């Protein structure tokens, strides 16, 4: 999995160098979901899937309900 993480430059997700961007931005008088947040969420969910796919059944029970790769 580490090779996949490094190949996609996702190391920052697991070493606390990448932080969650603000979910919303103000565009004129509208509050919109930030494009940076959407990209972060997609990458985080992909990484979460990779990590989850490598875990044993015993460990999977410990992460049920977690929403991010953190």
N, C-alpha and C. Protein backbone atom coordinates (compact mmCIF):
# COMPACT_ATOMS: atom_id res chain seq x y z
N UNK A 1 0.83 -1.19 0.00
CA UNK A 1 0.00 0.00 0.00
C UNK A 1 0.87 1.26 0.00
N UNK A 2 2.00 1.20 0.68
CA UNK A 2 2.86 2.38 0.73
C UNK A 2 3.30 2.82 -0.67
N UNK A 3 3.56 1.85 -1.54
CA UNK A 3 3.92 2.19 -2.91
C UNK A 3 2.81 2.94 -3.63
N UNK A 4 1.56 2.51 -3.43
CA UNK A 4 0.42 3.22 -4.01
C UNK A 4 0.31 4.63 -3.44
N UNK A 5 0.46 4.74 -2.14
CA UNK A 5 0.37 6.05 -1.48
C UNK A 5 1.41 7.00 -2.05
N UNK A 6 2.64 6.52 -2.16
CA UNK A 6 3.71 7.37 -2.68
C UNK A 6 3.52 7.69 -4.16
N UNK A 7 3.01 6.74 -4.93
CA UNK A 7 2.84 6.98 -6.37
C UNK A 7 1.80 8.06 -6.66
N UNK A 8 0.90 8.28 -5.73
CA UNK A 8 -0.14 9.30 -5.91
C UNK A 8 0.11 10.55 -5.06
N UNK A 9 1.29 10.63 -4.46
CA UNK A 9 1.65 11.76 -3.59
C UNK A 9 0.65 11.95 -2.44
N UNK A 10 0.22 10.85 -1.85
CA UNK A 10 -0.74 10.89 -0.74
C UNK A 10 -0.07 10.79 0.63
N UNK A 11 1.27 10.84 0.69
CA UNK A 11 1.95 10.70 1.97
C UNK A 11 1.45 11.73 2.98
N UNK A 12 1.13 12.91 2.51
CA UNK A 12 0.67 13.98 3.41
C UNK A 12 -0.59 13.62 4.16
N UNK A 13 -1.39 12.71 3.62
CA UNK A 13 -2.60 12.29 4.32
C UNK A 13 -2.26 11.47 5.57
N UNK A 14 -1.16 10.76 5.54
CA UNK A 14 -0.85 9.89 6.68
C UNK A 14 0.23 10.46 7.59
N UNK A 15 0.91 11.52 7.17
CA UNK A 15 1.92 12.12 8.04
C UNK A 15 1.55 13.54 8.48
N UNK A 16 0.28 13.87 8.37
CA UNK A 16 -0.27 15.15 8.84
C UNK A 16 0.28 16.38 8.13
N UNK A 17 0.71 16.23 6.88
CA UNK A 17 1.15 17.39 6.10
C UNK A 17 0.01 17.95 5.26
N UNK A 18 -1.03 17.15 5.04
CA UNK A 18 -2.21 17.62 4.31
C UNK A 18 -3.34 17.77 5.31
N UNK A 19 -3.92 18.96 5.34
CA UNK A 19 -5.01 19.23 6.26
C UNK A 19 -6.31 19.35 5.48
N UNK A 20 -7.40 19.11 6.16
CA UNK A 20 -8.72 19.22 5.53
C UNK A 20 -8.98 20.68 5.17
N UNK A 21 -9.22 20.98 3.90
CA UNK A 21 -9.54 22.36 3.53
C UNK A 21 -10.93 22.74 4.07
N UNK A 22 -11.18 24.02 4.15
CA UNK A 22 -12.52 24.46 4.54
C UNK A 22 -13.53 23.86 3.57
N UNK A 23 -14.63 23.38 4.12
CA UNK A 23 -15.65 22.73 3.29
C UNK A 23 -16.38 23.74 2.41
N UNK A 24 -16.57 24.93 2.91
CA UNK A 24 -17.34 25.93 2.17
C UNK A 24 -16.51 27.16 1.85
N UNK A 25 -16.86 27.80 0.75
CA UNK A 25 -16.29 29.10 0.38
C UNK A 25 -17.46 30.04 0.14
N UNK A 26 -17.19 31.31 0.26
CA UNK A 26 -18.19 32.33 -0.04
C UNK A 26 -17.90 32.87 -1.44
N UNK A 27 -18.87 32.76 -2.32
CA UNK A 27 -18.74 33.23 -3.69
C UNK A 27 -19.82 34.28 -3.91
N UNK A 28 -19.43 35.54 -3.79
CA UNK A 28 -20.41 36.62 -3.85
C UNK A 28 -21.28 36.56 -2.61
N UNK A 29 -22.55 36.31 -2.79
CA UNK A 29 -23.45 36.19 -1.64
C UNK A 29 -23.88 34.75 -1.41
N UNK A 30 -23.18 33.81 -2.05
CA UNK A 30 -23.53 32.39 -1.94
C UNK A 30 -22.44 31.61 -1.20
N UNK A 31 -22.88 30.66 -0.42
CA UNK A 31 -21.96 29.72 0.23
C UNK A 31 -21.95 28.45 -0.62
N UNK A 32 -20.76 28.06 -1.07
CA UNK A 32 -20.63 26.90 -1.95
C UNK A 32 -19.60 25.94 -1.37
N UNK A 33 -19.72 24.68 -1.77
CA UNK A 33 -18.71 23.71 -1.36
C UNK A 33 -17.42 24.01 -2.12
N UNK A 34 -16.34 24.03 -1.40
CA UNK A 34 -15.03 24.37 -1.96
C UNK A 34 -14.53 23.27 -2.90
N UNK A 35 -14.04 23.64 -4.09
CA UNK A 35 -13.43 22.65 -4.98
C UNK A 35 -12.24 21.95 -4.33
N UNK A 36 -11.48 22.68 -3.50
CA UNK A 36 -10.35 22.07 -2.80
C UNK A 36 -10.83 20.99 -1.83
N UNK A 37 -11.96 21.26 -1.17
CA UNK A 37 -12.52 20.27 -0.24
C UNK A 37 -12.98 19.03 -1.01
N UNK A 38 -13.65 19.24 -2.14
CA UNK A 38 -14.13 18.10 -2.93
C UNK A 38 -12.97 17.23 -3.40
N UNK A 39 -11.87 17.85 -3.84
CA UNK A 39 -10.71 17.08 -4.27
C UNK A 39 -10.08 16.34 -3.09
N UNK A 40 -9.98 17.00 -1.95
CA UNK A 40 -9.45 16.36 -0.75
C UNK A 40 -10.30 15.15 -0.39
N UNK A 41 -11.61 15.31 -0.41
CA UNK A 41 -12.53 14.24 -0.03
C UNK A 41 -12.37 13.03 -0.95
N UNK A 42 -12.27 13.26 -2.26
CA UNK A 42 -12.08 12.17 -3.21
C UNK A 42 -10.78 11.41 -2.93
N UNK A 43 -9.72 12.16 -2.74
CA UNK A 43 -8.42 11.53 -2.47
C UNK A 43 -8.44 10.79 -1.15
N UNK A 44 -9.04 11.39 -0.14
CA UNK A 44 -9.11 10.76 1.18
C UNK A 44 -9.90 9.46 1.12
N UNK A 45 -11.01 9.45 0.40
CA UNK A 45 -11.83 8.24 0.30
C UNK A 45 -11.09 7.14 -0.47
N UNK A 46 -10.33 7.51 -1.49
CA UNK A 46 -9.54 6.54 -2.23
C UNK A 46 -8.49 5.92 -1.31
N UNK A 47 -7.79 6.75 -0.58
CA UNK A 47 -6.78 6.26 0.35
C UNK A 47 -7.41 5.39 1.43
N UNK A 48 -8.53 5.80 1.94
CA UNK A 48 -9.25 5.02 2.95
C UNK A 48 -9.59 3.63 2.41
N UNK A 49 -10.01 3.56 1.15
CA UNK A 49 -10.32 2.27 0.53
C UNK A 49 -9.09 1.39 0.41
N UNK A 50 -7.96 1.98 0.02
CA UNK A 50 -6.73 1.20 -0.06
C UNK A 50 -6.35 0.63 1.30
N UNK A 51 -6.40 1.47 2.32
CA UNK A 51 -6.03 1.03 3.66
C UNK A 51 -6.99 -0.04 4.15
N UNK A 52 -8.27 0.18 3.99
CA UNK A 52 -9.28 -0.78 4.44
C UNK A 52 -9.09 -2.12 3.75
N UNK A 53 -8.75 -2.11 2.48
CA UNK A 53 -8.57 -3.33 1.73
C UNK A 53 -7.40 -4.18 2.19
N UNK A 54 -6.51 -3.63 2.98
CA UNK A 54 -5.35 -4.39 3.44
C UNK A 54 -5.51 -4.91 4.87
N UNK A 55 -6.60 -4.57 5.52
CA UNK A 55 -6.76 -4.91 6.93
C UNK A 55 -7.40 -6.28 7.13
N UNK A 56 -7.01 -6.93 8.21
CA UNK A 56 -7.62 -8.21 8.57
C UNK A 56 -9.01 -7.96 9.13
N UNK A 57 -9.82 -9.02 9.22
CA UNK A 57 -11.18 -8.88 9.74
C UNK A 57 -11.18 -8.37 11.17
N UNK A 58 -10.21 -8.79 11.97
CA UNK A 58 -10.15 -8.35 13.36
C UNK A 58 -9.94 -6.84 13.45
N UNK A 59 -9.09 -6.32 12.62
CA UNK A 59 -8.79 -4.89 12.65
C UNK A 59 -9.92 -4.08 12.01
N UNK A 60 -10.56 -4.64 11.01
CA UNK A 60 -11.66 -3.92 10.36
C UNK A 60 -12.73 -3.50 11.36
N UNK A 61 -12.98 -4.33 12.36
CA UNK A 61 -13.97 -4.00 13.38
C UNK A 61 -13.61 -2.74 14.16
N UNK A 62 -12.34 -2.41 14.22
CA UNK A 62 -11.90 -1.23 14.96
C UNK A 62 -12.11 0.07 14.18
N UNK A 63 -12.25 -0.03 12.87
CA UNK A 63 -12.36 1.20 12.08
C UNK A 63 -13.76 1.46 11.54
N UNK A 64 -14.69 0.55 11.82
CA UNK A 64 -16.06 0.75 11.36
C UNK A 64 -16.58 2.08 11.90
N UNK A 65 -17.12 2.89 11.04
CA UNK A 65 -17.67 4.18 11.44
C UNK A 65 -16.73 5.35 11.25
N UNK A 66 -15.45 5.10 11.01
CA UNK A 66 -14.53 6.21 10.75
C UNK A 66 -14.81 6.75 9.36
N UNK A 67 -14.79 8.06 9.22
CA UNK A 67 -15.18 8.67 7.95
C UNK A 67 -14.02 9.14 7.09
N UNK A 68 -12.80 9.22 7.65
CA UNK A 68 -11.65 9.67 6.87
C UNK A 68 -10.48 8.72 7.08
N UNK A 69 -9.43 8.94 6.32
CA UNK A 69 -8.23 8.12 6.46
C UNK A 69 -7.41 8.48 7.69
N UNK A 70 -7.75 9.58 8.36
CA UNK A 70 -7.00 9.99 9.54
C UNK A 70 -7.27 9.00 10.64
